[in-house]
C-alpha atoms as a PDB file:
ATOM      1  CA  MET A   1       0.064  -0.321  -0.179  1.00  0.00           C
ATOM      2  CA  ASP A   2       1.385   3.519  -0.997  1.00  0.00           C
ATOM      3  CA  MET A   3       1.836   5.672   1.628  1.00  0.00           C
ATOM      4  CA  PRO A   4      -0.244   9.164   1.576  1.00  0.00           C
ATOM      5  CA  THR A   5       1.109  12.259  -0.253  1.00  0.00           C
ATOM      6  CA  VAL A   6       1.338  15.106   1.765  1.00  0.00           C
ATOM      7  CA  GLU A   7      -1.610  16.744  -0.287  1.00  0.00           C
ATOM      8  CA  GLU A   8      -3.682  13.710   0.749  1.00  0.00           C
ATOM      9  CA  LYS A   9      -2.337  13.987   4.036  1.00  0.00           C
ATOM     10  CA  LEU A  10      -3.810  17.814   4.142  1.00  0.00           C
ATOM     11  CA  ALA A  11      -7.141  17.155   2.969  1.00  0.00           C
ATOM     12  CA  ALA A  12      -7.305  14.729   5.579  1.00  0.00           C
ATOM     13  CA  VAL A  13      -6.410  17.171   8.307  1.00  0.00           C
ATOM     14  CA  ARG A  14      -8.927  19.974   6.778  1.00  0.00           C
ATOM     15  CA  ASP A  15     -11.637  17.285   6.474  1.00  0.00           C
ATOM     16  CA  ASP A  16     -11.188  16.037  10.109  1.00  0.00           C
ATOM     17  CA  LEU A  17     -11.105  19.817  11.146  1.00  0.00           C
ATOM     18  CA  ALA A  18     -14.348  20.838   8.851  1.00  0.00           C
ATOM     19  CA  GLU A  19     -16.377  18.184  11.132  1.00  0.00           C
ATOM     20  CA  ARG A  20     -15.594  19.942  14.185  1.00  0.00           C
ATOM     21  CA  ASP A  21     -18.181  22.792  15.367  1.00  0.00           C
ATOM     22  CA  GLY A  22     -15.176  24.793  15.884  1.00  0.00           C
ATOM     23  CA  VAL A  23     -11.863  24.562  17.085  1.00  0.00           C
ATOM     24  CA  LEU A  24      -9.181  26.849  19.251  1.00  0.00           C
ATOM     25  CA  VAL A  25      -5.517  26.175  18.211  1.00  0.00           C
ATOM     26  CA  ALA A  26      -2.850  26.818  20.567  1.00  0.00           C
ATOM     27  CA  PHE A  27      -1.187  29.441  18.714  1.00  0.00           C
ATOM     28  CA  SER A  28       2.707  29.755  19.335  1.00  0.00           C
ATOM     29  CA  GLY A  29       3.445  31.444  15.683  1.00  0.00           C
ATOM     30  CA  GLY A  30       5.716  28.708  14.977  1.00  0.00           C
ATOM     31  CA  VAL A  31       5.781  26.718  12.154  1.00  0.00           C
ATOM     32  CA  ASP A  32       3.781  23.551  13.502  1.00  0.00           C
ATOM     33  CA  SER A  33       1.075  25.952  15.164  1.00  0.00           C
ATOM     34  CA  SER A  34       0.648  28.290  12.396  1.00  0.00           C
ATOM     35  CA  VAL A  35      -0.271  25.303   9.646  1.00  0.00           C
ATOM     36  CA  VAL A  36      -2.722  23.736  12.099  1.00  0.00           C
ATOM     37  CA  ALA A  37      -3.971  27.924  12.789  1.00  0.00           C
ATOM     38  CA  ALA A  38      -4.024  27.802   8.667  1.00  0.00           C
ATOM     39  CA  ILE A  39      -5.866  24.443   8.159  1.00  0.00           C
ATOM     40  CA  ALA A  40      -8.317  25.427  10.800  1.00  0.00           C
ATOM     41  CA  HIS A  41      -8.885  28.390   9.366  1.00  0.00           C
ATOM     42  CA  ASP A  42      -9.271  26.969   5.651  1.00  0.00           C
ATOM     43  CA  ALA A  43     -11.575  24.278   6.960  1.00  0.00           C
ATOM     44  CA  LEU A  44     -13.764  26.551   9.205  1.00  0.00           C
ATOM     45  CA  GLY A  45     -13.643  30.027   8.827  1.00  0.00           C
ATOM     46  CA  ASP A  46     -14.687  31.916  11.473  1.00  0.00           C
ATOM     47  CA  ASP A  47     -15.534  28.785  13.669  1.00  0.00           C
ATOM     48  CA  ALA A  48     -11.525  28.557  14.261  1.00  0.00           C
ATOM     49  CA  VAL A  49      -9.720  30.882  16.962  1.00  0.00           C
ATOM     50  CA  ALA A  50      -6.172  31.214  17.408  1.00  0.00           C
ATOM     51  CA  CYS A  51      -4.837  31.652  21.318  1.00  0.00           C
ATOM     52  CA  THR A  52      -1.701  32.812  22.470  1.00  0.00           C
ATOM     53  CA  ALA A  53      -0.711  32.559  25.661  1.00  0.00           C
ATOM     54  CA  ARG A  54       1.997  35.406  27.281  1.00  0.00           C
ATOM     55  CA  SER A  55       3.787  34.846  30.054  1.00  0.00           C
ATOM     56  CA  GLU A  56       7.491  35.280  31.275  1.00  0.00           C
ATOM     57  CA  THR A  57       9.293  32.480  28.766  1.00  0.00           C
ATOM     58  CA  LEU A  58       7.389  33.725  25.993  1.00  0.00           C
ATOM     59  CA  PRO A  59      10.128  36.269  24.127  1.00  0.00           C
ATOM     60  CA  GLU A  60       8.138  39.504  22.878  1.00  0.00           C
ATOM     61  CA  ALA A  61       9.335  39.215  19.572  1.00  0.00           C
ATOM     62  CA  GLU A  62       8.065  35.550  19.378  1.00  0.00           C
ATOM     63  CA  LEU A  63       4.512  37.255  20.690  1.00  0.00           C
ATOM     64  CA  GLU A  64       4.831  40.108  17.846  1.00  0.00           C
ATOM     65  CA  ASP A  65       5.541  37.299  15.757  1.00  0.00           C
ATOM     66  CA  ALA A  66       2.322  35.742  16.306  1.00  0.00           C
ATOM     67  CA  LYS A  67       0.072  38.733  15.968  1.00  0.00           C
ATOM     68  CA  ARG A  68       1.460  39.100  12.555  1.00  0.00           C
ATOM     69  CA  VAL A  69       1.215  35.338  11.653  1.00  0.00           C
ATOM     70  CA  ALA A  70      -2.297  34.989  13.114  1.00  0.00           C
ATOM     71  CA  ASP A  71      -2.948  38.577  11.049  1.00  0.00           C
ATOM     72  CA  GLU A  72      -1.351  36.993   7.886  1.00  0.00           C
ATOM     73  CA  ILE A  73      -3.641  33.790   8.072  1.00  0.00           C
ATOM     74  CA  GLY A  74      -6.727  35.812   8.763  1.00  0.00           C
ATOM     75  CA  ILE A  75      -7.996  33.925  11.782  1.00  0.00           C
ATOM     76  CA  ARG A  76      -9.289  35.384  14.670  1.00  0.00           C
ATOM     77  CA  HIS A  77      -6.475  35.515  17.499  1.00  0.00           C
ATOM     78  CA  GLU A  78      -7.222  35.490  21.356  1.00  0.00           C
ATOM     79  CA  LEU A  79      -4.593  36.773  23.605  1.00  0.00           C
ATOM     80  CA  VAL A  80      -4.479  35.485  27.382  1.00  0.00           C
ATOM     81  CA  THR A  81      -1.911  35.789  30.220  1.00  0.00           C
ATOM     82  CA  PHE A  82      -0.501  33.951  32.842  1.00  0.00           C
ATOM     83  CA  SER A  83       2.486  33.263  35.213  1.00  0.00           C
ATOM     84  CA  GLU A  84       4.698  30.313  35.180  1.00  0.00           C
ATOM     85  CA  LEU A  85       6.529  31.644  37.944  1.00  0.00           C
ATOM     86  CA  ASP A  86       3.307  31.019  40.218  1.00  0.00           C
ATOM     87  CA  ASP A  87       3.878  27.372  40.217  1.00  0.00           C
ATOM     88  CA  PRO A  88       7.019  26.464  42.594  1.00  0.00           C
ATOM     89  CA  ALA A  89       7.199  23.271  40.411  1.00  0.00           C
ATOM     90  CA  PHE A  90       8.058  25.194  37.352  1.00  0.00           C
ATOM     91  CA  VAL A  91      10.444  27.232  39.353  1.00  0.00           C
ATOM     92  CA  ALA A  92      12.141  24.557  40.533  1.00  0.00           C
ATOM     93  CA  ASN A  93      13.371  23.644  36.949  1.00  0.00           C
ATOM     94  CA  ASP A  94      13.513  19.845  37.574  1.00  0.00           C
ATOM     95  CA  GLU A  95      13.201  17.374  34.315  1.00  0.00           C
ATOM     96  CA  ASP A  96       9.264  17.996  34.123  1.00  0.00           C
ATOM     97  CA  ARG A  97       9.605  21.693  33.916  1.00  0.00           C
ATOM     98  CA  CYS A  98       7.809  21.422  30.723  1.00  0.00           C
ATOM     99  CA  TYR A  99       5.015  19.311  31.642  1.00  0.00           C
ATOM    100  CA  HIS A 100       4.365  21.978  34.391  1.00  0.00           C
ATOM    101  CA  CYS A 101       4.522  24.823  31.470  1.00  0.00           C
ATOM    102  CA  ARG A 102       2.247  23.223  29.131  1.00  0.00           C
ATOM    103  CA  THR A 103      -0.120  22.383  32.001  1.00  0.00           C
ATOM    104  CA  MET A 104      -0.688  25.578  32.482  1.00  0.00           C
ATOM    105  CA  ARG A 105      -0.451  26.839  29.001  1.00  0.00           C
ATOM    106  CA  LEU A 106      -2.892  24.516  27.688  1.00  0.00           C
ATOM    107  CA  GLY A 107      -5.083  25.081  30.892  1.00  0.00           C
ATOM    108  CA  LYS A 108      -5.475  28.771  29.783  1.00  0.00           C
ATOM    109  CA  MET A 109      -6.557  27.335  26.106  1.00  0.00           C
ATOM    110  CA  PHE A 110      -9.329  25.053  27.680  1.00  0.00           C
ATOM    111  CA  GLU A 111     -10.577  28.085  29.634  1.00  0.00           C
ATOM    112  CA  THR A 112     -10.676  30.013  26.797  1.00  0.00           C
ATOM    113  CA  ALA A 113     -12.283  27.766  24.755  1.00  0.00           C
ATOM    114  CA  GLU A 114     -15.212  27.149  27.392  1.00  0.00           C
ATOM    115  CA  ARG A 115     -15.757  30.703  27.755  1.00  0.00           C
ATOM    116  CA  LEU A 116     -16.238  30.782  23.548  1.00  0.00           C
ATOM    117  CA  GLY A 117     -18.087  27.858  23.690  1.00  0.00           C
ATOM    118  CA  ILE A 118     -15.615  26.009  21.579  1.00  0.00           C
ATOM    119  CA  ASP A 119     -15.210  22.033  22.479  1.00  0.00           C
ATOM    120  CA  VAL A 120     -11.856  21.411  20.815  1.00  0.00           C
ATOM    121  CA  VAL A 121      -8.583  22.763  21.490  1.00  0.00           C
ATOM    122  CA  CYS A 122      -5.732  21.941  19.103  1.00  0.00           C
ATOM    123  CA  ASP A 123      -1.927  21.844  19.636  1.00  0.00           C
ATOM    124  CA  GLY A 124       0.749  21.530  16.849  1.00  0.00           C
ATOM    125  CA  THR A 125       2.362  18.069  18.252  1.00  0.00           C
ATOM    126  CA  ASN A 126       3.597  16.542  14.632  1.00  0.00           C
ATOM    127  CA  ALA A 127       4.169  13.002  13.985  1.00  0.00           C
ATOM    128  CA  ASP A 128       8.204  13.333  14.714  1.00  0.00           C
ATOM    129  CA  ASP A 129       7.830  14.609  18.043  1.00  0.00           C
ATOM    130  CA  VAL A 130       6.767  11.486  19.191  1.00  0.00           C
ATOM    131  CA  GLY A 131       9.579   9.678  18.966  1.00  0.00           C
ATOM    132  CA  SER A 132      11.905  12.445  20.390  1.00  0.00           C
ATOM    133  CA  ASP A 133      13.810  12.272  23.469  1.00  0.00           C
ATOM    134  CA  HIS A 134      12.302  13.325  27.078  1.00  0.00           C
ATOM    135  CA  ARG A 135       9.300  15.156  25.915  1.00  0.00           C
ATOM    136  CA  PRO A 136       7.377  15.860  29.368  1.00  0.00           C
ATOM    137  CA  GLY A 137       5.095  18.447  27.505  1.00  0.00           C
ATOM    138  CA  LEU A 138       3.490  15.687  25.549  1.00  0.00           C
ATOM    139  CA  ARG A 139       2.238  14.209  28.765  1.00  0.00           C
ATOM    140  CA  ALA A 140       0.193  17.411  29.298  1.00  0.00           C
ATOM    141  CA  VAL A 141      -1.296  17.032  25.973  1.00  0.00           C
ATOM    142  CA  GLU A 142      -2.353  13.763  26.460  1.00  0.00           C
ATOM    143  CA  GLU A 143      -3.768  14.271  29.891  1.00  0.00           C
ATOM    144  CA  LEU A 144      -5.459  17.422  29.060  1.00  0.00           C
ATOM    145  CA  ASP A 145      -6.646  15.719  25.855  1.00  0.00           C
ATOM    146  CA  ALA A 146      -5.754  18.104  23.364  1.00  0.00           C
ATOM    147  CA  TYR A 147      -5.994  17.269  19.968  1.00  0.00           C
ATOM    148  CA  SER A 148      -3.140  17.047  17.592  1.00  0.00           C
ATOM    149  CA  PRO A 149      -4.622  16.743  13.866  1.00  0.00           C
ATOM    150  CA  LEU A 150      -0.906  16.618  12.601  1.00  0.00           C
ATOM    151  CA  LEU A 151      -0.213  13.710  14.669  1.00  0.00           C
ATOM    152  CA  GLN A 152      -3.302  12.045  14.052  1.00  0.00           C
ATOM    153  CA  HIS A 153      -2.739  12.022  10.303  1.00  0.00           C
ATOM    154  CA  ASP A 154       1.016  11.103  10.261  1.00  0.00           C
ATOM    155  CA  VAL A 155       2.314  14.550   9.188  1.00  0.00           C
ATOM    156  CA  THR A 156       5.747  14.682   9.835  1.00  0.00           C
ATOM    157  CA  LYS A 157       8.081  17.763  10.691  1.00  0.00           C
ATOM    158  CA  ASP A 158       9.460  18.168   7.004  1.00  0.00           C
ATOM    159  CA  GLU A 159       5.689  18.089   5.822  1.00  0.00           C
ATOM    160  CA  VAL A 160       4.762  20.990   8.010  1.00  0.00           C
ATOM    161  CA  ARG A 161       7.116  23.058   6.351  1.00  0.00           C
ATOM    162  CA  GLU A 162       5.627  21.888   3.195  1.00  0.00           C
ATOM    163  CA  LEU A 163       2.343  22.782   4.202  1.00  0.00           C
ATOM    164  CA  ALA A 164       3.613  26.038   5.385  1.00  0.00           C
ATOM    165  CA  GLU A 165       4.622  27.068   1.860  1.00  0.00           C
ATOM    166  CA  HIS A 166       1.568  25.701   0.689  1.00  0.00           C
ATOM    167  CA  TYR A 167      -0.559  28.505   2.811  1.00  0.00           C
ATOM    168  CA  ASP A 168       2.267  30.996   1.638  1.00  0.00           C
ATOM    169  CA  LEU A 169       3.147  31.421   5.593  1.00  0.00           C
ATOM    170  CA  SER A 170       6.053  33.616   6.166  1.00  0.00           C
ATOM    171  CA  VAL A 171       7.368  31.214   9.169  1.00  0.00           C
ATOM    172  CA  ALA A 172       7.695  28.287   6.523  1.00  0.00           C
ATOM    173  CA  ASP A 173      11.429  28.273   7.043  1.00  0.00           C
ATOM    174  CA  LYS A 174      11.385  29.713  11.099  1.00  0.00           C
ATOM    175  CA  PRO A 175      13.747  27.884  13.445  1.00  0.00           C
ATOM    176  CA  SER A 176      12.219  26.324  16.329  1.00  0.00           C
ATOM    177  CA  MET A 177      12.249  28.251  19.131  1.00  0.00           C
ATOM    178  CA  ALA A 178      11.615  27.261  22.689  1.00  0.00           C
ATOM    179  CA  CYS A 179      10.794  29.023  25.477  1.00  0.00           C
ATOM    180  CA  LEU A 180      13.124  31.251  27.314  1.00  0.00           C
ATOM    181  CA  SER A 181      13.313  28.738  30.577  1.00  0.00           C
ATOM    182  CA  SER A 182      14.747  25.811  28.248  1.00  0.00           C
ATOM    183  CA  ARG A 183      18.266  28.273  28.133  1.00  0.00           C
ATOM    184  CA  ILE A 184      18.351  27.516  32.013  1.00  0.00           C
ATOM    185  CA  PRO A 185      20.250  24.340  33.347  1.00  0.00           C
ATOM    186  CA  THR A 186      17.803  21.726  34.999  1.00  0.00           C
ATOM    187  CA  GLY A 187      18.255  22.216  38.827  1.00  0.00           C
ATOM    188  CA  LEU A 188      18.821  25.800  38.496  1.00  0.00           C
ATOM    189  CA  ASP A 189      15.584  28.109  39.566  1.00  0.00           C
ATOM    190  CA  VAL A 190      13.830  29.510  36.720  1.00  0.00           C
ATOM    191  CA  THR A 191      13.606  33.193  37.887  1.00  0.00           C
ATOM    192  CA  ASP A 192      12.443  36.908  36.259  1.00  0.00           C
ATOM    193  CA  ASP A 193      15.945  38.083  36.346  1.00  0.00           C
ATOM    194  CA  ARG A 194      17.432  35.160  34.462  1.00  0.00           C
ATOM    195  CA  LEU A 195      14.538  34.900  31.973  1.00  0.00           C
ATOM    196  CA  SER A 196      14.767  38.811  31.187  1.00  0.00           C
ATOM    197  CA  ARG A 197      18.612  38.578  30.958  1.00  0.00           C
ATOM    198  CA  ILE A 198      18.380  35.682  28.656  1.00  0.00           C
ATOM    199  CA  GLU A 199      15.707  37.616  26.586  1.00  0.00           C
ATOM    200  CA  GLN A 200      17.555  40.755  26.289  1.00  0.00           C
ATOM    201  CA  ALA A 201      20.717  38.905  25.184  1.00  0.00           C
ATOM    202  CA  GLU A 202      18.820  36.900  22.591  1.00  0.00           C
ATOM    203  CA  ALA A 203      17.178  40.125  21.217  1.00  0.00           C
ATOM    204  CA  MET A 204      20.936  41.316  20.478  1.00  0.00           C
ATOM    205  CA  LEU A 205      21.598  38.263  18.521  1.00  0.00           C
ATOM    206  CA  ARG A 206      18.300  38.776  16.530  1.00  0.00           C
ATOM    207  CA  GLN A 207      19.722  42.182  15.602  1.00  0.00           C
ATOM    208  CA  TRP A 208      22.758  41.324  14.524  1.00  0.00           C
ATOM    209  CA  GLY A 209      20.910  39.050  11.849  1.00  0.00           C
ATOM    210  CA  PHE A 210      21.984  35.523  13.319  1.00  0.00           C
ATOM    211  CA  SER A 211      19.137  32.953  12.542  1.00  0.00           C
ATOM    212  CA  GLN A 212      19.533  30.128  14.819  1.00  0.00           C
ATOM    213  CA  PHE A 213      20.924  30.795  18.176  1.00  0.00           C
ATOM    214  CA  ARG A 214      20.460  30.570  21.688  1.00  0.00           C
ATOM    215  CA  VAL A 215      22.091  32.255  24.679  1.00  0.00           C
ATOM    216  CA  ARG A 216      22.027  29.621  27.637  1.00  0.00           C
ATOM    217  CA  ASP A 217      22.325  30.813  31.376  1.00  0.00           C
ATOM    218  CA  HIS A 218      25.089  29.147  33.357  1.00  0.00           C
ATOM    219  CA  ASP A 219      23.866  30.804  36.898  1.00  0.00           C
ATOM    220  CA  GLY A 220      25.575  33.720  35.455  1.00  0.00           C
ATOM    221  CA  LEU A 221      27.975  32.553  32.551  1.00  0.00           C
ATOM    222  CA  ALA A 222      26.074  33.363  29.311  1.00  0.00           C
ATOM    223  CA  ARG A 223      27.010  30.668  26.804  1.00  0.00           C
ATOM    224  CA  ILE A 224      26.255  31.993  23.237  1.00  0.00           C
ATOM    225  CA  GLU A 225      25.584  29.013  20.628  1.00  0.00           C
ATOM    226  CA  VAL A 226      25.051  29.873  16.949  1.00  0.00           C
ATOM    227  CA  ASP A 227      24.349  27.750  13.993  1.00  0.00           C
ATOM    228  CA  SER A 228      27.615  26.211  12.682  1.00  0.00           C
ATOM    229  CA  ASP A 229      27.469  28.195   9.389  1.00  0.00           C
ATOM    230  CA  GLU A 230      27.443  31.320  11.593  1.00  0.00           C
ATOM    231  CA  LEU A 231      30.393  30.893  13.680  1.00  0.00           C
ATOM    232  CA  SER A 232      32.743  32.647  11.713  1.00  0.00           C
ATOM    233  CA  ARG A 233      30.401  35.786  12.121  1.00  0.00           C
ATOM    234  CA  ALA A 234      30.425  35.495  16.049  1.00  0.00           C
ATOM    235  CA  LEU A 235      34.188  35.436  16.187  1.00  0.00           C
ATOM    236  CA  ASP A 236      34.188  38.996  14.228  1.00  0.00           C
ATOM    237  CA  GLU A 237      35.752  41.548  16.696  1.00  0.00           C
ATOM    238  CA  GLU A 238      32.728  44.015  16.090  1.00  0.00           C
ATOM    239  CA  PHE A 239      30.417  41.570  17.244  1.00  0.00           C
ATOM    240  CA  VAL A 240      32.694  40.024  20.311  1.00  0.00           C
ATOM    241  CA  ALA A 241      32.981  43.660  21.633  1.00  0.00           C
ATOM    242  CA  ALA A 242      29.183  44.528  21.491  1.00  0.00           C
ATOM    243  CA  ALA A 243      28.258  41.010  22.733  1.00  0.00           C
ATOM    244  CA  ARG A 244      30.676  41.340  25.629  1.00  0.00           C
ATOM    245  CA  ASP A 245      29.174  44.848  26.391  1.00  0.00           C
ATOM    246  CA  HIS A 246      25.599  44.128  26.083  1.00  0.00           C
ATOM    247  CA  LEU A 247      25.386  40.827  28.225  1.00  0.00           C
ATOM    248  CA  THR A 248      27.810  42.013  30.653  1.00  0.00           C
ATOM    249  CA  ASP A 249      25.291  45.198  31.031  1.00  0.00           C
ATOM    250  CA  VAL A 250      21.963  43.196  31.559  1.00  0.00           C
ATOM    251  CA  GLY A 251      23.173  40.745  34.150  1.00  0.00           C
ATOM    252  CA  PHE A 252      25.600  38.048  33.147  1.00  0.00           C
ATOM    253  CA  ASP A 253      29.190  37.894  34.823  1.00  0.00           C
ATOM    254  CA  HIS A 254      30.895  36.046  31.728  1.00  0.00           C
ATOM    255  CA  VAL A 255      30.415  35.583  28.437  1.00  0.00           C
ATOM    256  CA  THR A 256      31.605  32.450  26.045  1.00  0.00           C
ATOM    257  CA  LEU A 257      30.894  30.999  22.669  1.00  0.00           C
ATOM    258  CA  ASP A 258      30.274  27.420  22.661  1.00  0.00           C
ATOM    259  CA  LEU A 259      32.390  26.207  19.303  1.00  0.00           C
ATOM    260  CA  HIS A 260      30.305  23.167  18.797  1.00  0.00           C
ATOM    261  CA  GLY A 261      27.442  25.454  17.267  1.00  0.00           C
ATOM    262  CA  TYR A 262      23.690  25.411  18.243  1.00  0.00           C
ATOM    263  CA  GLN A 263      22.510  22.196  19.670  1.00  0.00           C
ATOM    264  CA  THR A 264      19.206  21.361  20.886  1.00  0.00           C
ATOM    265  CA  GLY A 265      19.182  20.318  24.943  1.00  0.00           C
ATOM    266  CA  SER A 266      22.784  21.154  25.225  1.00  0.00           C
ATOM    267  CA  VAL A 267      22.090  23.242  28.471  1.00  0.00           C
ATOM    268  CA  SER A 268      21.012  19.999  30.254  1.00  0.00           C
ATOM    269  CA  PRO A 269      22.545  16.830  28.411  1.00  0.00           C
ATOM    270  CA  ASP A 270      21.373  13.463  29.663  1.00  0.00           C
ATOM    271  CA  SER A 271      25.126  12.371  29.901  1.00  0.00           C
ATOM    272  CA  GLU A 272      28.067  14.163  29.454  1.00  0.00           C
ATOM    273  CA  SER A 273      31.356  12.511  28.724  1.00  0.00           C
ATOM    274  CA  ALA A 274      34.881  14.516  28.131  1.00  0.00           C
ATOM    275  CA  GLU A 275      34.351  14.205  24.347  1.00  0.00           C
ATOM    276  CA  ASP A 276      30.712  15.372  24.448  1.00  0.00           C
ATOM    277  CA  GLU A 277      31.379  18.582  26.858  1.00  0.00           C
ATOM    278  CA  PRO A 278      30.165  21.714  25.170  1.00  0.00           C
ATOM    279  CA  LEU A 279      33.680  23.313  23.396  1.00  0.00           C
ATOM    280  CA  VAL A 280      33.405  26.666  25.097  1.00  0.00           C
ATOM    281  CA  GLU A 281      36.277  29.420  23.901  1.00  0.00           C
ATOM    282  CA  ASP A 282      35.974  32.575  26.170  1.00  0.00           C
ATOM    283  CA  VAL A 283      36.812  35.148  23.314  1.00  0.00           C
ATOM    284  CA  PHE A 284      34.943  38.119  25.225  1.00  0.00           C
ATOM    285  CA  GLU A 285      37.377  37.593  28.714  1.00  0.00           C
ATOM    286  CA  THR A 286      39.946  40.453  27.679  1.00  0.00           C
ATOM    287  CA  ASP A 287      38.055  42.623  29.781  1.00  0.00           C
ATOM    288  CA  TYR A 288      36.240  40.045  32.156  1.00  0.00           C
ATOM    289  CA  PRO A 289      38.593  36.988  32.522  1.00  0.00           C
ATOM    290  CA  THR A 290      36.879  33.875  33.537  1.00  0.00           C
ATOM    291  CA  GLU A 291      38.485  32.445  36.765  1.00  0.00           C
ATOM    292  CA  ARG A 292      40.183  29.252  36.561  1.00  0.00           C
ATOM    293  CA  THR A 293      40.716  26.500  39.032  1.00  0.00           C
END
């Protein structure tokens, strides 16, 4: 039996959503949730709603992106507000941090859906997410019974990007962007100060034109990760000086560059050996030397 094409999967998702009286899409403005929102709007028109929950872990730039993409799609866009920092379990930043966050965030989605008289809350989980490493956030999706149409119809990450291009979405090539708390190592409390300095540091990298990046916060030491193709730009003397000055101004004690480049999950790897440890060069140390023992 032939595997369904991406066009056939799109038709299946659209027909599936069209059978609903209405859906609310948990909408971050990333490529996955944007595709679900576009298909839902295509299938249901005004009976589809996108909802974004703003909190301390959502960068302002991402919120603005979500507003822009919702307008691009033409879907009604609701904004709600909550604080992950109200939950001590989230602040403690254990291995289930994403579970606590997703539970609160989706909880706000279900509250909004109930207020609007909508029975179904959709999220952007795709077929490739399920086989990934430790993903406690998916447990929250299952427990709250959110519906994942991309997963249900076996739409992969590559196919999601194809569908984004089909709908002419500006986020078709947008890099993945996890919440700001993912930059803080497991076991180190998530605080407003840490989230704020991470956001300000990453805003600076965005202004310099880097596309895929993270600023990891190791209790005052900033570890900059950029895509391997952009490492040479990160070593430019002008950028080095600007990054050193800006990141120390926003509260970091030391600023380093990871020569391995951007890697998902590198802030809290499950196991580290000597050869797997991040390769870090303190290229910013001229004025702010790093203590060595």
